[in-house]
N, C-alpha and C. Protein backbone atom coordinates (compact mmCIF):
# COMPACT_ATOMS: atom_id res chain seq x y z
N MET A 1 -24.29 14.91 27.34
CA MET A 1 -23.49 14.00 26.54
C MET A 1 -24.01 12.58 26.79
N ILE A 2 -24.21 11.83 25.73
CA ILE A 2 -24.70 10.46 25.89
C ILE A 2 -23.57 9.55 26.34
N ASP A 3 -23.92 8.43 26.93
CA ASP A 3 -22.93 7.51 27.48
C ASP A 3 -21.93 7.02 26.44
N ARG A 4 -22.42 6.71 25.24
CA ARG A 4 -21.52 6.22 24.20
C ARG A 4 -20.49 7.28 23.81
N GLU A 5 -20.94 8.52 23.66
CA GLU A 5 -20.02 9.59 23.32
C GLU A 5 -19.00 9.80 24.44
N LEU A 6 -19.44 9.76 25.67
CA LEU A 6 -18.52 9.89 26.80
C LEU A 6 -17.50 8.76 26.79
N HIS A 7 -17.94 7.55 26.58
CA HIS A 7 -17.04 6.40 26.49
C HIS A 7 -16.01 6.61 25.38
N ASN A 8 -16.46 7.07 24.21
CA ASN A 8 -15.55 7.30 23.09
C ASN A 8 -14.54 8.40 23.39
N ARG A 9 -14.99 9.46 24.05
CA ARG A 9 -14.07 10.55 24.42
C ARG A 9 -13.00 10.05 25.38
N ILE A 10 -13.42 9.31 26.38
CA ILE A 10 -12.47 8.80 27.36
C ILE A 10 -11.44 7.89 26.69
N ALA A 11 -11.90 7.02 25.83
CA ALA A 11 -10.99 6.12 25.11
C ALA A 11 -10.01 6.91 24.24
N TYR A 12 -10.52 7.94 23.57
CA TYR A 12 -9.67 8.77 22.71
C TYR A 12 -8.65 9.55 23.53
N PHE A 13 -9.10 10.15 24.62
CA PHE A 13 -8.18 10.88 25.51
C PHE A 13 -7.08 9.95 26.01
N ASN A 14 -7.47 8.77 26.44
CA ASN A 14 -6.50 7.80 26.96
C ASN A 14 -5.49 7.44 25.88
N CYS A 15 -5.96 7.20 24.67
CA CYS A 15 -5.08 6.87 23.57
C CYS A 15 -4.09 8.00 23.29
N CYS A 16 -4.58 9.22 23.27
CA CYS A 16 -3.72 10.38 23.02
C CYS A 16 -2.70 10.57 24.14
N ILE A 17 -3.13 10.42 25.37
CA ILE A 17 -2.21 10.57 26.51
C ILE A 17 -1.10 9.53 26.44
N LEU A 18 -1.46 8.29 26.17
CA LEU A 18 -0.46 7.23 26.11
C LEU A 18 0.47 7.38 24.91
N ALA A 19 -0.05 7.83 23.78
CA ALA A 19 0.80 8.08 22.61
C ALA A 19 1.76 9.24 22.88
N PHE A 20 1.27 10.27 23.55
CA PHE A 20 2.10 11.40 23.93
C PHE A 20 3.20 10.94 24.89
N ALA A 21 2.83 10.12 25.86
CA ALA A 21 3.79 9.58 26.82
C ALA A 21 4.88 8.80 26.11
N GLU A 22 4.48 7.97 25.17
CA GLU A 22 5.46 7.16 24.44
C GLU A 22 6.40 8.03 23.63
N LYS A 23 5.88 9.05 22.96
CA LYS A 23 6.70 9.93 22.14
C LYS A 23 7.78 10.62 22.96
N PHE A 24 7.46 10.99 24.18
CA PHE A 24 8.40 11.74 25.01
C PHE A 24 9.00 10.91 26.14
N ASN A 25 8.80 9.60 26.09
CA ASN A 25 9.37 8.69 27.09
C ASN A 25 8.94 9.10 28.51
N LEU A 26 7.65 9.34 28.66
CA LEU A 26 7.06 9.71 29.95
C LEU A 26 6.16 8.58 30.42
N SER A 27 5.86 8.57 31.70
CA SER A 27 4.82 7.66 32.18
C SER A 27 3.47 8.24 31.77
N GLY A 28 2.45 7.43 31.83
CA GLY A 28 1.11 7.92 31.53
C GLY A 28 0.70 9.05 32.46
N ALA A 29 1.06 8.91 33.74
CA ALA A 29 0.72 9.94 34.73
C ALA A 29 1.45 11.25 34.44
N GLU A 30 2.72 11.16 34.05
CA GLU A 30 3.48 12.37 33.73
C GLU A 30 2.90 13.07 32.50
N ALA A 31 2.55 12.28 31.49
CA ALA A 31 1.96 12.85 30.28
C ALA A 31 0.62 13.50 30.61
N TYR A 32 -0.19 12.84 31.42
CA TYR A 32 -1.49 13.41 31.82
C TYR A 32 -1.29 14.75 32.51
N ARG A 33 -0.37 14.82 33.47
CA ARG A 33 -0.13 16.07 34.20
C ARG A 33 0.36 17.18 33.27
N TYR A 34 1.28 16.82 32.37
CA TYR A 34 1.80 17.81 31.42
C TYR A 34 0.67 18.35 30.55
N LEU A 35 -0.12 17.45 29.98
CA LEU A 35 -1.21 17.86 29.09
C LEU A 35 -2.28 18.65 29.84
N ARG A 36 -2.53 18.31 31.10
CA ARG A 36 -3.49 19.05 31.91
C ARG A 36 -2.93 20.45 32.22
N ASN A 37 -1.68 20.51 32.63
CA ASN A 37 -1.08 21.79 33.03
C ASN A 37 -0.93 22.78 31.89
N PHE A 38 -0.70 22.27 30.68
CA PHE A 38 -0.44 23.16 29.55
C PHE A 38 -1.57 23.17 28.52
N MET A 39 -2.79 22.88 29.00
CA MET A 39 -4.04 23.05 28.25
C MET A 39 -4.26 22.05 27.12
N GLY A 40 -3.46 20.99 27.05
CA GLY A 40 -3.64 20.00 26.00
C GLY A 40 -4.96 19.25 26.13
N LEU A 41 -5.32 18.89 27.36
CA LEU A 41 -6.57 18.16 27.55
C LEU A 41 -7.78 19.06 27.28
N ASP A 42 -7.68 20.32 27.64
CA ASP A 42 -8.75 21.26 27.31
C ASP A 42 -8.93 21.37 25.80
N PHE A 43 -7.80 21.41 25.09
CA PHE A 43 -7.83 21.46 23.63
C PHE A 43 -8.51 20.21 23.06
N LEU A 44 -8.12 19.04 23.54
CA LEU A 44 -8.73 17.80 23.05
C LEU A 44 -10.23 17.79 23.31
N ASN A 45 -10.63 18.26 24.45
CA ASN A 45 -12.05 18.28 24.78
C ASN A 45 -12.82 19.27 23.90
N GLU A 46 -12.27 20.45 23.73
CA GLU A 46 -12.95 21.48 22.94
C GLU A 46 -13.04 21.11 21.46
N PHE A 47 -11.99 20.48 20.94
CA PHE A 47 -11.95 20.18 19.51
C PHE A 47 -12.03 18.69 19.21
N TYR A 48 -12.61 17.95 20.13
CA TYR A 48 -12.76 16.50 19.96
C TYR A 48 -13.44 16.15 18.64
N ASP A 49 -14.47 16.89 18.29
CA ASP A 49 -15.24 16.57 17.08
C ASP A 49 -14.37 16.57 15.82
N VAL A 50 -13.33 17.38 15.78
CA VAL A 50 -12.41 17.42 14.64
C VAL A 50 -11.21 16.50 14.89
N GLU A 51 -10.62 16.60 16.06
CA GLU A 51 -9.38 15.87 16.35
C GLU A 51 -9.54 14.35 16.22
N HIS A 52 -10.67 13.81 16.66
CA HIS A 52 -10.80 12.35 16.63
C HIS A 52 -10.97 11.80 15.22
N THR A 53 -11.15 12.67 14.24
CA THR A 53 -11.23 12.21 12.85
C THR A 53 -9.87 12.16 12.18
N GLN A 54 -8.85 12.67 12.85
CA GLN A 54 -7.49 12.69 12.32
C GLN A 54 -6.68 11.56 12.93
N SER A 55 -5.48 11.38 12.42
CA SER A 55 -4.60 10.34 12.97
C SER A 55 -4.12 10.75 14.36
N ILE A 56 -3.71 9.78 15.12
CA ILE A 56 -3.15 10.05 16.45
C ILE A 56 -1.88 10.89 16.31
N ASP A 57 -1.07 10.63 15.28
CA ASP A 57 0.14 11.43 15.07
C ASP A 57 -0.21 12.90 14.86
N ASP A 58 -1.26 13.17 14.09
CA ASP A 58 -1.69 14.56 13.90
C ASP A 58 -2.16 15.17 15.22
N ALA A 59 -2.90 14.39 16.00
CA ALA A 59 -3.37 14.88 17.30
C ALA A 59 -2.18 15.20 18.21
N ILE A 60 -1.16 14.35 18.21
CA ILE A 60 0.02 14.58 19.05
C ILE A 60 0.73 15.86 18.59
N ASP A 61 0.86 16.03 17.28
CA ASP A 61 1.47 17.27 16.77
C ASP A 61 0.68 18.49 17.22
N ASP A 62 -0.64 18.41 17.17
CA ASP A 62 -1.47 19.52 17.63
C ASP A 62 -1.29 19.76 19.13
N LEU A 63 -1.21 18.69 19.90
CA LEU A 63 -1.00 18.83 21.35
C LEU A 63 0.33 19.49 21.66
N ILE A 64 1.36 19.13 20.92
CA ILE A 64 2.68 19.74 21.12
C ILE A 64 2.58 21.24 20.89
N THR A 65 1.93 21.64 19.80
CA THR A 65 1.78 23.06 19.47
C THR A 65 1.01 23.80 20.55
N VAL A 66 -0.12 23.24 20.95
CA VAL A 66 -0.96 23.89 21.98
C VAL A 66 -0.19 24.03 23.29
N CYS A 67 0.45 22.96 23.72
CA CYS A 67 1.17 23.00 24.99
C CYS A 67 2.35 23.98 24.94
N GLN A 68 3.05 24.03 23.83
CA GLN A 68 4.16 24.98 23.70
C GLN A 68 3.63 26.42 23.79
N ARG A 69 2.49 26.68 23.18
CA ARG A 69 1.91 28.03 23.24
C ARG A 69 1.47 28.40 24.64
N ASN A 70 1.29 27.40 25.49
CA ASN A 70 0.88 27.64 26.86
C ASN A 70 2.00 27.39 27.86
N GLY A 71 3.24 27.44 27.39
CA GLY A 71 4.39 27.38 28.28
C GLY A 71 5.06 26.04 28.41
N GLY A 72 4.57 25.01 27.73
CA GLY A 72 5.19 23.69 27.79
C GLY A 72 6.53 23.67 27.09
N LYS A 73 7.45 22.90 27.61
CA LYS A 73 8.82 22.90 27.07
C LYS A 73 9.19 21.63 26.30
N LEU A 74 8.34 20.60 26.31
CA LEU A 74 8.66 19.39 25.57
C LEU A 74 8.54 19.63 24.07
N ALA A 75 9.46 19.09 23.32
CA ALA A 75 9.36 19.17 21.85
C ALA A 75 10.30 18.18 21.21
């Protein structure tokens, strides 16, 4: 992975984590742990090429679905 792509991924992940935190009134650390534990971050990494072309709201909706399918209870 080239440095620019890595930088863009990190920025996108951070944006998604913070938007998720805001939606559920969590701290950034709590949102990160939730998304890590329920496969949300794995999903973002695997489907980054598609997800980053959509709105953040769409990405959050996708994260909610993925995490619920993996045992997450936030909704």
